Amino acid sequence: MEMKRAALEIVVPLGPVDAIPLGQGCTYVVDGCPIAVFRQRDGQLFATENACPHRGGPLAEGIIGDGKVICPLHARQFDLVTGASQDCAVKTYPVRVEGGEILLTLA
């Protein structure tokens, strides 16, 4: 994937937003790192690291809703805004849509 550098951040185009069905997540590999991008039913996007810190579960395959993702391996919930869970957290990334294209920001 081609990266663009802009004022201390890297913006990575991931592809069309329509590639992620409403209410689901998708995994993208950016610079060797799997990142989960979620598209809530209201169309809002969130991005986190894909691996659950508890057992490495693929968060992109989890159930999303109410601003949370539930790990498919053990049902641990993570806040999609902060990445927080009850005793651990996942990294979150700024993500937006411009012209129908998903843009992920790496700081």
PDB file of N, CA and C in Angstrom:
ATOM      1  N   MET A   1       0.837  -1.174   0.000  1.00  0.00           N
ATOM      2  CA  MET A   1       0.000   0.000   0.000  1.00  0.00           C
ATOM      3  C   MET A   1       0.883   1.239   0.000  1.00  0.00           C
ATOM      4  N   GLU A   2       0.515   2.212  -0.770  1.00  0.00           N
ATOM      5  CA  GLU A   2       1.278   3.455  -0.864  1.00  0.00           C
ATOM      6  C   GLU A   2       0.975   4.337   0.336  1.00  0.00           C
ATOM      7  N   MET A   3       2.014   4.916   0.922  1.00  0.00           N
ATOM      8  CA  MET A   3       1.840   5.780   2.080  1.00  0.00           C
ATOM      9  C   MET A   3       2.190   7.213   1.710  1.00  0.00           C
ATOM     10  N   LYS A   4       1.467   8.166   2.286  1.00  0.00           N
ATOM     11  CA  LYS A   4       1.740   9.581   2.097  1.00  0.00           C
ATOM     12  C   LYS A   4       2.107  10.183   3.446  1.00  0.00           C
ATOM     13  N   ARG A   5       3.180  10.967   3.491  1.00  0.00           N
ATOM     14  CA  ARG A   5       3.600  11.605   4.738  1.00  0.00           C
ATOM     15  C   ARG A   5       3.066  13.028   4.759  1.00  0.00           C
ATOM     16  N   ALA A   6       2.425  13.388   5.871  1.00  0.00           N
ATOM     17  CA  ALA A   6       1.886  14.739   6.033  1.00  0.00           C
ATOM     18  C   ALA A   6       2.096  15.186   7.469  1.00  0.00           C
ATOM     19  N   ALA A   7       2.919  16.176   7.691  1.00  0.00           N
ATOM     20  CA  ALA A   7       3.132  16.804   9.000  1.00  0.00           C
ATOM     21  C   ALA A   7       3.150  15.811  10.159  1.00  0.00           C
ATOM     22  N   LEU A   8       4.180  15.003  10.247  1.00  0.00           N
ATOM     23  CA  LEU A   8       4.412  14.067  11.342  1.00  0.00           C
ATOM     24  C   LEU A   8       3.436  12.900  11.411  1.00  0.00           C
ATOM     25  N   GLU A   9       2.664  12.682  10.391  1.00  0.00           N
ATOM     26  CA  GLU A   9       1.801  11.504  10.373  1.00  0.00           C
ATOM     27  C   GLU A   9       1.833  10.879   8.989  1.00  0.00           C
ATOM     28  N   ILE A  10       1.529   9.607   8.955  1.00  0.00           N
ATOM     29  CA  ILE A  10       1.484   8.877   7.693  1.00  0.00           C
ATOM     30  C   ILE A  10       0.038   8.502   7.438  1.00  0.00           C
ATOM     31  N   VAL A  11      -0.459   8.850   6.268  1.00  0.00           N
ATOM     32  CA  VAL A  11      -1.830   8.519   5.881  1.00  0.00           C
ATOM     33  C   VAL A  11      -1.760   7.392   4.852  1.00  0.00           C
ATOM     34  N   VAL A  12      -2.448   6.297   5.149  1.00  0.00           N
ATOM     35  CA  VAL A  12      -2.415   5.112   4.299  1.00  0.00           C
ATOM     36  C   VAL A  12      -3.798   4.880   3.694  1.00  0.00           C
ATOM     37  N   PRO A  13      -3.933   4.932   2.367  1.00  0.00           N
ATOM     38  CA  PRO A  13      -5.209   4.597   1.741  1.00  0.00           C
ATOM     39  C   PRO A  13      -5.403   3.077   1.771  1.00  0.00           C
ATOM     40  N   LEU A  14      -6.558   2.632   2.243  1.00  0.00           N
ATOM     41  CA  LEU A  14      -6.815   1.200   2.387  1.00  0.00           C
ATOM     42  C   LEU A  14      -7.720   0.625   1.304  1.00  0.00           C
ATOM     43  N   GLY A  15      -8.489   1.465   0.638  1.00  0.00           N
ATOM     44  CA  GLY A  15      -9.409   0.973  -0.379  1.00  0.00           C
ATOM     45  C   GLY A  15     -10.787   1.556  -0.171  1.00  0.00           C
ATOM     46  N   PRO A  16     -11.742   1.102  -0.972  1.00  0.00           N
ATOM     47  CA  PRO A  16     -13.093   1.664  -0.897  1.00  0.00           C
ATOM     48  C   PRO A  16     -13.818   1.279   0.390  1.00  0.00           C
ATOM     49  N   VAL A  17     -14.548   2.231   0.938  1.00  0.00           N
ATOM     50  CA  VAL A  17     -15.300   1.984   2.170  1.00  0.00           C
ATOM     51  C   VAL A  17     -16.356   0.900   1.959  1.00  0.00           C
ATOM     52  N   ASP A  18     -16.884   0.796   0.758  1.00  0.00           N
ATOM     53  CA  ASP A  18     -17.913  -0.214   0.484  1.00  0.00           C
ATOM     54  C   ASP A  18     -17.376  -1.642   0.534  1.00  0.00           C
ATOM     55  N   ALA A  19     -16.058  -1.808   0.637  1.00  0.00           N
ATOM     56  CA  ALA A  19     -15.479  -3.146   0.763  1.00  0.00           C
ATOM     57  C   ALA A  19     -15.762  -3.752   2.138  1.00  0.00           C
ATOM     58  N   ILE A  20     -16.143  -2.907   3.096  1.00  0.00           N
ATOM     59  CA  ILE A  20     -16.485  -3.398   4.438  1.00  0.00           C
ATOM     60  C   ILE A  20     -17.996  -3.286   4.604  1.00  0.00           C
ATOM     61  N   PRO A  21     -18.703  -4.405   4.695  1.00  0.00           N
ATOM     62  CA  PRO A  21     -20.151  -4.341   4.898  1.00  0.00           C
ATOM     63  C   PRO A  21     -20.496  -3.658   6.224  1.00  0.00           C
ATOM     64  N   LEU A  22     -21.628  -2.996   6.263  1.00  0.00           N
ATOM     65  CA  LEU A  22     -22.094  -2.373   7.502  1.00  0.00           C
ATOM     66  C   LEU A  22     -22.192  -3.427   8.598  1.00  0.00           C
ATOM     67  N   GLY A  23     -21.721  -3.084   9.791  1.00  0.00           N
ATOM     68  CA  GLY A  23     -21.795  -3.991  10.930  1.00  0.00           C
ATOM     69  C   GLY A  23     -20.702  -5.038  10.968  1.00  0.00           C
ATOM     70  N   GLN A  24     -19.646  -4.867  10.159  1.00  0.00           N
ATOM     71  CA  GLN A  24     -18.577  -5.859  10.123  1.00  0.00           C
ATOM     72  C   GLN A  24     -17.204  -5.204  10.179  1.00  0.00           C
ATOM     73  N   GLY A  25     -16.190  -6.048  10.271  1.00  0.00           N
ATOM     74  CA  GLY A  25     -14.809  -5.595  10.271  1.00  0.00           C
ATOM     75  C   GLY A  25     -14.035  -6.280   9.169  1.00  0.00           C
ATOM     76  N   CYS A  26     -12.865  -5.745   8.876  1.00  0.00           N
ATOM     77  CA  CYS A  26     -12.000  -6.292   7.840  1.00  0.00           C
ATOM     78  C   CYS A  26     -10.554  -6.074   8.275  1.00  0.00           C
ATOM     79  N   THR A  27      -9.678  -7.005   7.927  1.00  0.00           N
ATOM     80  CA  THR A  27      -8.269  -6.878   8.273  1.00  0.00           C
ATOM     81  C   THR A  27      -7.478  -6.330   7.097  1.00  0.00           C
ATOM     82  N   TYR A  28      -6.635  -5.351   7.385  1.00  0.00           N
ATOM     83  CA  TYR A  28      -5.699  -4.790   6.413  1.00  0.00           C
ATOM     84  C   TYR A  28      -4.305  -4.930   7.005  1.00  0.00           C
ATOM     85  N   VAL A  29      -3.335  -5.251   6.182  1.00  0.00           N
ATOM     86  CA  VAL A  29      -1.954  -5.341   6.651  1.00  0.00           C
ATOM     87  C   VAL A  29      -1.226  -4.089   6.186  1.00  0.00           C
ATOM     88  N   VAL A  30      -0.755  -3.309   7.144  1.00  0.00           N
ATOM     89  CA  VAL A  30      -0.056  -2.058   6.864  1.00  0.00           C
ATOM     90  C   VAL A  30       1.354  -2.169   7.429  1.00  0.00           C
ATOM     91  N   ASP A  31       2.328  -2.134   6.554  1.00  0.00           N
ATOM     92  CA  ASP A  31       3.731  -2.234   6.952  1.00  0.00           C
ATOM     93  C   ASP A  31       3.969  -3.469   7.827  1.00  0.00           C
ATOM     94  N   GLY A  32       3.352  -4.585   7.451  1.00  0.00           N
ATOM     95  CA  GLY A  32       3.515  -5.845   8.163  1.00  0.00           C
ATOM     96  C   GLY A  32       2.669  -6.006   9.409  1.00  0.00           C
ATOM     97  N   CYS A  33       1.868  -5.002   9.740  1.00  0.00           N
ATOM     98  CA  CYS A  33       1.048  -5.029  10.954  1.00  0.00           C
ATOM     99  C   CYS A  33      -0.435  -5.201  10.596  1.00  0.00           C
ATOM    100  N   PRO A  34      -1.090  -6.272  11.082  1.00  0.00           N
ATOM    101  CA  PRO A  34      -2.519  -6.445  10.817  1.00  0.00           C
ATOM    102  C   PRO A  34      -3.352  -5.429  11.607  1.00  0.00           C
ATOM    103  N   ILE A  35      -4.192  -4.709  10.896  1.00  0.00           N
ATOM    104  CA  ILE A  35      -5.057  -3.694  11.502  1.00  0.00           C
ATOM    105  C   ILE A  35      -6.500  -4.030  11.154  1.00  0.00           C
ATOM    106  N   ALA A  36      -7.366  -3.975  12.166  1.00  0.00           N
ATOM    107  CA  ALA A  36      -8.789  -4.224  11.962  1.00  0.00           C
ATOM    108  C   ALA A  36      -9.496  -2.889  11.743  1.00  0.00           C
ATOM    109  N   VAL A  37     -10.287  -2.817  10.688  1.00  0.00           N
ATOM    110  CA  VAL A  37     -11.112  -1.637  10.436  1.00  0.00           C
ATOM    111  C   VAL A  37     -12.561  -2.086  10.528  1.00  0.00           C
ATOM    112  N   PHE A  38     -13.333  -1.390  11.349  1.00  0.00           N
ATOM    113  CA  PHE A  38     -14.726  -1.737  11.607  1.00  0.00           C
ATOM    114  C   PHE A  38     -15.639  -0.666  11.033  1.00  0.00           C
ATOM    115  N   ARG A  39     -16.744  -1.111  10.457  1.00  0.00           N
ATOM    116  CA  ARG A  39     -17.759  -0.191   9.930  1.00  0.00           C
ATOM    117  C   ARG A  39     -19.072  -0.504  10.645  1.00  0.00           C
ATOM    118  N   GLN A  40     -19.420   0.354  11.594  1.00  0.00           N
ATOM    119  CA  GLN A  40     -20.660   0.136  12.341  1.00  0.00           C
ATOM    120  C   GLN A  40     -21.866   0.252  11.411  1.00  0.00           C
ATOM    121  N   ARG A  41     -22.999  -0.191  11.888  1.00  0.00           N
ATOM    122  CA  ARG A  41     -24.227  -0.143  11.081  1.00  0.00           C
ATOM    123  C   ARG A  41     -24.614   1.275  10.692  1.00  0.00           C
ATOM    124  N   ASP A  42     -24.173   2.261  11.492  1.00  0.00           N
ATOM    125  CA  ASP A  42     -24.462   3.658  11.151  1.00  0.00           C
ATOM    126  C   ASP A  42     -23.429   4.232  10.177  1.00  0.00           C
ATOM    127  N   GLY A  43     -22.462   3.405   9.758  1.00  0.00           N
ATOM    128  CA  GLY A  43     -21.455   3.822   8.799  1.00  0.00           C
ATOM    129  C   GLY A  43     -20.178   4.360   9.413  1.00  0.00           C
ATOM    130  N   GLN A  44     -20.165   4.584  10.725  1.00  0.00           N
ATOM    131  CA  GLN A  44     -18.981   5.124  11.385  1.00  0.00           C
ATOM    132  C   GLN A  44     -17.846   4.099  11.366  1.00  0.00           C
ATOM    133  N   LEU A  45     -16.625   4.570  11.101  1.00  0.00           N
ATOM    134  CA  LEU A  45     -15.454   3.698  11.028  1.00  0.00           C
ATOM    135  C   LEU A  45     -14.580   3.818  12.269  1.00  0.00           C
ATOM    136  N   PHE A  46     -13.961   2.692  12.632  1.00  0.00           N
ATOM    137  CA  PHE A  46     -12.996   2.632  13.718  1.00  0.00           C
ATOM    138  C   PHE A  46     -11.868   1.710  13.275  1.00  0.00           C
ATOM    139  N   ALA A  47     -10.678   1.905  13.821  1.00  0.00           N
ATOM    140  CA  ALA A  47      -9.550   1.029  13.504  1.00  0.00           C
ATOM    141  C   ALA A  47      -8.766   0.719  14.774  1.00  0.00           C
ATOM    142  N   THR A  48      -8.401  -0.559  14.921  1.00  0.00           N
ATOM    143  CA  THR A  48      -7.598  -1.013  16.055  1.00  0.00           C
ATOM    144  C   THR A  48      -6.560  -2.005  15.539  1.00  0.00           C
ATOM    145  N   GLU A  49      -5.583  -2.313  16.396  1.00  0.00           N
ATOM    146  CA  GLU A  49      -4.731  -3.442  16.043  1.00  0.00           C
ATOM    147  C   GLU A  49      -5.642  -4.664  15.987  1.00  0.00           C
ATOM    148  N   ASN A  50      -5.310  -5.646  15.161  1.00  0.00           N
ATOM    149  CA  ASN A  50      -6.224  -6.760  14.945  1.00  0.00           C
ATOM    150  C   ASN A  50      -6.142  -7.843  16.013  1.00  0.00           C
ATOM    151  N   ALA A  51      -4.998  -8.022  16.653  1.00  0.00           N
ATOM    152  CA  ALA A  51      -4.827  -9.127  17.597  1.00  0.00           C
ATOM    153  C   ALA A  51      -5.259  -8.739  19.006  1.00  0.00           C
ATOM    154  N   CYS A  52      -6.138  -9.539  19.575  1.00  0.00           N
ATOM    155  CA  CYS A  52      -6.524  -9.368  20.974  1.00  0.00           C
ATOM    156  C   CYS A  52      -5.305  -9.678  21.845  1.00  0.00           C
ATOM    157  N   PRO A  53      -4.987  -8.834  22.825  1.00  0.00           N
ATOM    158  CA  PRO A  53      -3.807  -9.081  23.657  1.00  0.00           C
ATOM    159  C   PRO A  53      -3.937 -10.301  24.569  1.00  0.00           C
ATOM    160  N   HIS A  54      -5.142 -10.780  24.785  1.00  0.00           N
ATOM    161  CA  HIS A  54      -5.348 -11.916  25.680  1.00  0.00           C
ATOM    162  C   HIS A  54      -4.890 -13.224  25.047  1.00  0.00           C
ATOM    163  N   ARG A  55      -5.393 -13.523  23.844  1.00  0.00           N
ATOM    164  CA  ARG A  55      -5.049 -14.776  23.173  1.00  0.00           C
ATOM    165  C   ARG A  55      -4.734 -14.599  21.691  1.00  0.00           C
ATOM    166  N   GLY A  56      -4.610 -13.374  21.242  1.00  0.00           N
ATOM    167  CA  GLY A  56      -4.282 -13.131  19.838  1.00  0.00           C
ATOM    168  C   GLY A  56      -5.453 -13.302  18.895  1.00  0.00           C
ATOM    169  N   GLY A  57      -6.666 -13.318  19.437  1.00  0.00           N
ATOM    170  CA  GLY A  57      -7.853 -13.492  18.600  1.00  0.00           C
ATOM    171  C   GLY A  57      -7.981 -12.404  17.542  1.00  0.00           C
ATOM    172  N   PRO A  58      -8.502 -12.754  16.361  1.00  0.00           N
ATOM    173  CA  PRO A  58      -8.658 -11.793  15.270  1.00  0.00           C
ATOM    174  C   PRO A  58      -9.863 -10.881  15.504  1.00  0.00           C
ATOM    175  N   LEU A  59      -9.622  -9.688  16.011  1.00  0.00           N
ATOM    176  CA  LEU A  59     -10.722  -8.790  16.368  1.00  0.00           C
ATOM    177  C   LEU A  59     -11.601  -8.426  15.178  1.00  0.00           C
ATOM    178  N   ALA A  60     -11.041  -8.382  13.973  1.00  0.00           N
ATOM    179  CA  ALA A  60     -11.842  -8.039  12.795  1.00  0.00           C
ATOM    180  C   ALA A  60     -12.971  -9.039  12.567  1.00  0.00           C
ATOM    181  N   GLU A  61     -12.839 -10.235  13.129  1.00  0.00           N
ATOM    182  CA  GLU A  61     -13.880 -11.256  13.000  1.00  0.00           C
ATOM    183  C   GLU A  61     -14.882 -11.210  14.149  1.00  0.00           C
ATOM    184  N   GLY A  62     -14.700 -10.271  15.075  1.00  0.00           N
ATOM    185  CA  GLY A  62     -15.588 -10.159  16.224  1.00  0.00           C
ATOM    186  C   GLY A  62     -16.901  -9.478  15.889  1.00  0.00           C
ATOM    187  N   ILE A  63     -17.798  -9.496  16.852  1.00  0.00           N
ATOM    188  CA  ILE A  63     -19.098  -8.837  16.718  1.00  0.00           C
ATOM    189  C   ILE A  63     -18.932  -7.392  17.158  1.00  0.00           C
ATOM    190  N   ILE A  64     -19.460  -6.458  16.345  1.00  0.00           N
ATOM    191  CA  ILE A  64     -19.362  -5.049  16.718  1.00  0.00           C
ATOM    192  C   ILE A  64     -20.743  -4.457  16.929  1.00  0.00           C
ATOM    193  N   GLY A  65     -20.782  -3.454  17.796  1.00  0.00           N
ATOM    194  CA  GLY A  65     -22.014  -2.731  18.072  1.00  0.00           C
ATOM    195  C   GLY A  65     -21.842  -1.866  19.300  1.00  0.00           C
ATOM    196  N   ASP A  66     -22.579  -0.789  19.353  1.00  0.00           N
ATOM    197  CA  ASP A  66     -22.528   0.132  20.493  1.00  0.00           C
ATOM    198  C   ASP A  66     -21.107   0.601  20.797  1.00  0.00           C
ATOM    199  N   GLY A  67     -20.290   0.790  19.752  1.00  0.00           N
ATOM    200  CA  GLY A  67     -18.944   1.303  19.952  1.00  0.00           C
ATOM    201  C   GLY A  67     -17.965   0.317  20.549  1.00  0.00           C
ATOM    202  N   LYS A  68     -18.286  -0.987  20.466  1.00  0.00           N
ATOM    203  CA  LYS A  68     -17.415  -2.017  21.030  1.00  0.00           C
ATOM    204  C   LYS A  68     -17.241  -3.156  20.030  1.00  0.00           C
ATOM    205  N   VAL A  69     -16.134  -3.891  20.181  1.00  0.00           N
ATOM    206  CA  VAL A  69     -15.937  -5.134  19.442  1.00  0.00           C
ATOM    207  C   VAL A  69     -15.750  -6.239  20.472  1.00  0.00           C
ATOM    208  N   ILE A  70     -16.338  -7.396  20.199  1.00  0.00           N
ATOM    209  CA  ILE A  70     -16.232  -8.555  21.082  1.00  0.00           C
ATOM    210  C   ILE A  70     -15.307  -9.563  20.417  1.00  0.00           C
ATOM    211  N   CYS A  71     -14.225  -9.925  21.104  1.00  0.00           N
ATOM    212  CA  CYS A  71     -13.261 -10.881  20.569  1.00  0.00           C
ATOM    213  C   CYS A  71     -13.961 -12.215  20.287  1.00  0.00           C
ATOM    214  N   PRO A  72     -13.739 -12.796  19.101  1.00  0.00           N
ATOM    215  CA  PRO A  72     -14.410 -14.051  18.767  1.00  0.00           C
ATOM    216  C   PRO A  72     -13.886 -15.262  19.538  1.00  0.00           C
ATOM    217  N   LEU A  73     -12.735 -15.146  20.195  1.00  0.00           N
ATOM    218  CA  LEU A  73     -12.194 -16.299  20.921  1.00  0.00           C
ATOM    219  C   LEU A  73     -12.697 -16.428  22.344  1.00  0.00           C
ATOM    220  N   HIS A  74     -12.879 -15.306  23.040  1.00  0.00           N
ATOM    221  CA  HIS A  74     -13.227 -15.423  24.456  1.00  0.00           C
ATOM    222  C   HIS A  74     -14.182 -14.337  24.939  1.00  0.00           C
ATOM    223  N   ALA A  75     -14.774 -13.604  24.021  1.00  0.00           N
ATOM    224  CA  ALA A  75     -15.832 -12.624  24.313  1.00  0.00           C
ATOM    225  C   ALA A  75     -15.379 -11.404  25.114  1.00  0.00           C
ATOM    226  N   ARG A  76     -14.082 -11.120  25.141  1.00  0.00           N
ATOM    227  CA  ARG A  76     -13.626  -9.884  25.792  1.00  0.00           C
ATOM    228  C   ARG A  76     -14.042  -8.704  24.920  1.00  0.00           C
ATOM    229  N   GLN A  77     -14.565  -7.648  25.551  1.00  0.00           N
ATOM    230  CA  GLN A  77     -15.030  -6.467  24.821  1.00  0.00           C
ATOM    231  C   GLN A  77     -13.979  -5.365  24.850  1.00  0.00           C
ATOM    232  N   PHE A  78     -13.812  -4.706  23.696  1.00  0.00           N
ATOM    233  CA  PHE A  78     -12.898  -3.574  23.580  1.00  0.00           C
ATOM    234  C   PHE A  78     -13.664  -2.367  23.069  1.00  0.00           C
ATOM    235  N   ASP A  79     -13.420  -1.224  23.694  1.00  0.00           N
ATOM    236  CA  ASP A  79     -14.007   0.036  23.250  1.00  0.00           C
ATOM    237  C   ASP A  79     -13.325   0.439  21.943  1.00  0.00           C
ATOM    238  N   LEU A  80     -14.108   0.731  20.907  1.00  0.00           N
ATOM    239  CA  LEU A  80     -13.535   1.054  19.603  1.00  0.00           C
ATOM    240  C   LEU A  80     -12.904   2.443  19.547  1.00  0.00           C
ATOM    241  N   VAL A  81     -13.262   3.325  20.460  1.00  0.00           N
ATOM    242  CA  VAL A  81     -12.675   4.669  20.483  1.00  0.00           C
ATOM    243  C   VAL A  81     -11.341   4.662  21.232  1.00  0.00           C
ATOM    244  N   THR A  82     -11.328   4.050  22.416  1.00  0.00           N
ATOM    245  CA  THR A  82     -10.136   4.089  23.273  1.00  0.00           C
ATOM    246  C   THR A  82      -9.279   2.831  23.194  1.00  0.00           C
ATOM    247  N   GLY A  83      -9.865   1.714  22.758  1.00  0.00           N
ATOM    248  CA  GLY A  83      -9.168   0.432  22.745  1.00  0.00           C
ATOM    249  C   GLY A  83      -9.192  -0.278  24.086  1.00  0.00           C
ATOM    250  N   ALA A  84      -9.785   0.343  25.103  1.00  0.00           N
ATOM    251  CA  ALA A  84      -9.765  -0.198  26.461  1.00  0.00           C
ATOM    252  C   ALA A  84     -10.681  -1.405  26.630  1.00  0.00           C
ATOM    253  N   SER A  85     -10.250  -2.294  27.512  1.00  0.00           N
ATOM    254  CA  SER A  85     -11.033  -3.433  27.961  1.00  0.00           C
ATOM    255  C   SER A  85     -10.941  -3.429  29.482  1.00  0.00           C
ATOM    256  N   GLN A  86     -11.441  -4.480  30.123  1.00  0.00           N
ATOM    257  CA  GLN A  86     -11.442  -4.491  31.581  1.00  0.00           C
ATOM    258  C   GLN A  86     -10.041  -4.474  32.185  1.00  0.00           C
ATOM    259  N   ASP A  87      -9.056  -5.132  31.575  1.00  0.00           N
ATOM    260  CA  ASP A  87      -7.714  -5.153  32.169  1.00  0.00           C
ATOM    261  C   ASP A  87      -6.581  -5.082  31.144  1.00  0.00           C
ATOM    262  N   CYS A  88      -6.908  -4.758  29.909  1.00  0.00           N
ATOM    263  CA  CYS A  88      -5.889  -4.597  28.877  1.00  0.00           C
ATOM    264  C   CYS A  88      -6.462  -3.676  27.797  1.00  0.00           C
ATOM    265  N   ALA A  89      -5.684  -3.414  26.772  1.00  0.00           N
ATOM    266  CA  ALA A  89      -6.160  -2.513  25.718  1.00  0.00           C
ATOM    267  C   ALA A  89      -5.495  -2.866  24.395  1.00  0.00           C
ATOM    268  N   VAL A  90      -6.126  -2.439  23.315  1.00  0.00           N
ATOM    269  CA  VAL A  90      -5.538  -2.537  21.983  1.00  0.00           C
ATOM    270  C   VAL A  90      -5.285  -1.127  21.475  1.00  0.00           C
ATOM    271  N   LYS A  91      -4.319  -1.001  20.604  1.00  0.00           N
ATOM    272  CA  LYS A  91      -4.008   0.303  20.012  1.00  0.00           C
ATOM    273  C   LYS A  91      -5.110   0.681  19.031  1.00  0.00           C
ATOM    274  N   THR A  92      -5.484   1.943  19.025  1.00  0.00           N
ATOM    275  CA  THR A  92      -6.468   2.445  18.067  1.00  0.00           C
ATOM    276  C   THR A  92      -5.778   3.406  17.102  1.00  0.00           C
ATOM    277  N   TYR A  93      -6.396   3.586  15.943  1.00  0.00           N
ATOM    278  CA  TYR A  93      -5.848   4.445  14.901  1.00  0.00           C
ATOM    279  C   TYR A  93      -6.935   5.370  14.377  1.00  0.00           C
ATOM    280  N   PRO A  94      -6.587   6.616  14.072  1.00  0.00           N
ATOM    281  CA  PRO A  94      -7.559   7.495  13.411  1.00  0.00           C
ATOM    282  C   PRO A  94      -7.847   6.963  12.002  1.00  0.00           C
ATOM    283  N   VAL A  95      -9.115   6.959  11.639  1.00  0.00           N
ATOM    284  CA  VAL A  95      -9.519   6.489  10.315  1.00  0.00           C
ATOM    285  C   VAL A  95     -10.661   7.365   9.833  1.00  0.00           C
ATOM    286  N   ARG A  96     -10.683   7.636   8.534  1.00  0.00           N
ATOM    287  CA  ARG A  96     -11.736   8.475   7.969  1.00  0.00           C
ATOM    288  C   ARG A  96     -11.986   8.060   6.527  1.00  0.00           C
ATOM    289  N   VAL A  97     -13.030   8.623   5.954  1.00  0.00           N
ATOM    290  CA  VAL A  97     -13.360   8.369   4.552  1.00  0.00           C
ATOM    291  C   VAL A  97     -13.298   9.685   3.800  1.00  0.00           C
ATOM    292  N   GLU A  98     -12.612   9.668   2.668  1.00  0.00           N
ATOM    293  CA  GLU A  98     -12.588  10.820   1.765  1.00  0.00           C
ATOM    294  C   GLU A  98     -12.816  10.302   0.356  1.00  0.00           C
ATOM    295  N   GLY A  99     -13.841  10.818  -0.293  1.00  0.00           N
ATOM    296  CA  GLY A  99     -14.134  10.395  -1.656  1.00  0.00           C
ATOM    297  C   GLY A  99     -14.400   8.910  -1.775  1.00  0.00           C
ATOM    298  N   GLY A 100     -14.983   8.314  -0.737  1.00  0.00           N
ATOM    299  CA  GLY A 100     -15.296   6.886  -0.748  1.00  0.00           C
ATOM    300  C   GLY A 100     -14.120   5.986  -0.410  1.00  0.00           C
ATOM    301  N   GLU A 101     -12.947   6.571  -0.138  1.00  0.00           N
ATOM    302  CA  GLU A 101     -11.727   5.826   0.166  1.00  0.00           C
ATOM    303  C   GLU A 101     -11.444   5.861   1.669  1.00  0.00           C
ATOM    304  N   ILE A 102     -11.100   4.709   2.246  1.00  0.00           N
ATOM    305  CA  ILE A 102     -10.719   4.638   3.658  1.00  0.00           C
ATOM    306  C   ILE A 102      -9.281   5.126   3.793  1.00  0.00           C
ATOM    307  N   LEU A 103      -9.070   6.070   4.711  1.00  0.00           N
ATOM    308  CA  LEU A 103      -7.731   6.596   4.984  1.00  0.00           C
ATOM    309  C   LEU A 103      -7.390   6.358   6.449  1.00  0.00           C
ATOM    310  N   LEU A 104      -6.317   5.630   6.687  1.00  0.00           N
ATOM    311  CA  LEU A 104      -5.846   5.307   8.032  1.00  0.00           C
ATOM    312  C   LEU A 104      -4.648   6.195   8.344  1.00  0.00           C
ATOM    313  N   THR A 105      -4.620   6.764   9.538  1.00  0.00           N
ATOM    314  CA  THR A 105      -3.504   7.619   9.933  1.00  0.00           C
ATOM    315  C   THR A 105      -2.631   6.904  10.952  1.00  0.00           C
ATOM    316  N   LEU A 106      -1.343   6.845  10.650  1.00  0.00           N
ATOM    317  CA  LEU A 106      -0.349   6.305  11.571  1.00  0.00           C
ATOM    318  C   LEU A 106       0.449   7.479  12.105  1.00  0.00           C
ATOM    319  N   ALA A 107       0.602   7.565  13.415  1.00  0.00           N
ATOM    320  CA  ALA A 107       1.346   8.702  14.000  1.00  0.00           C
ATOM    321  C   ALA A 107       2.787   8.325  14.229  1.00  0.00           C
TER     322      ALA A 107
END
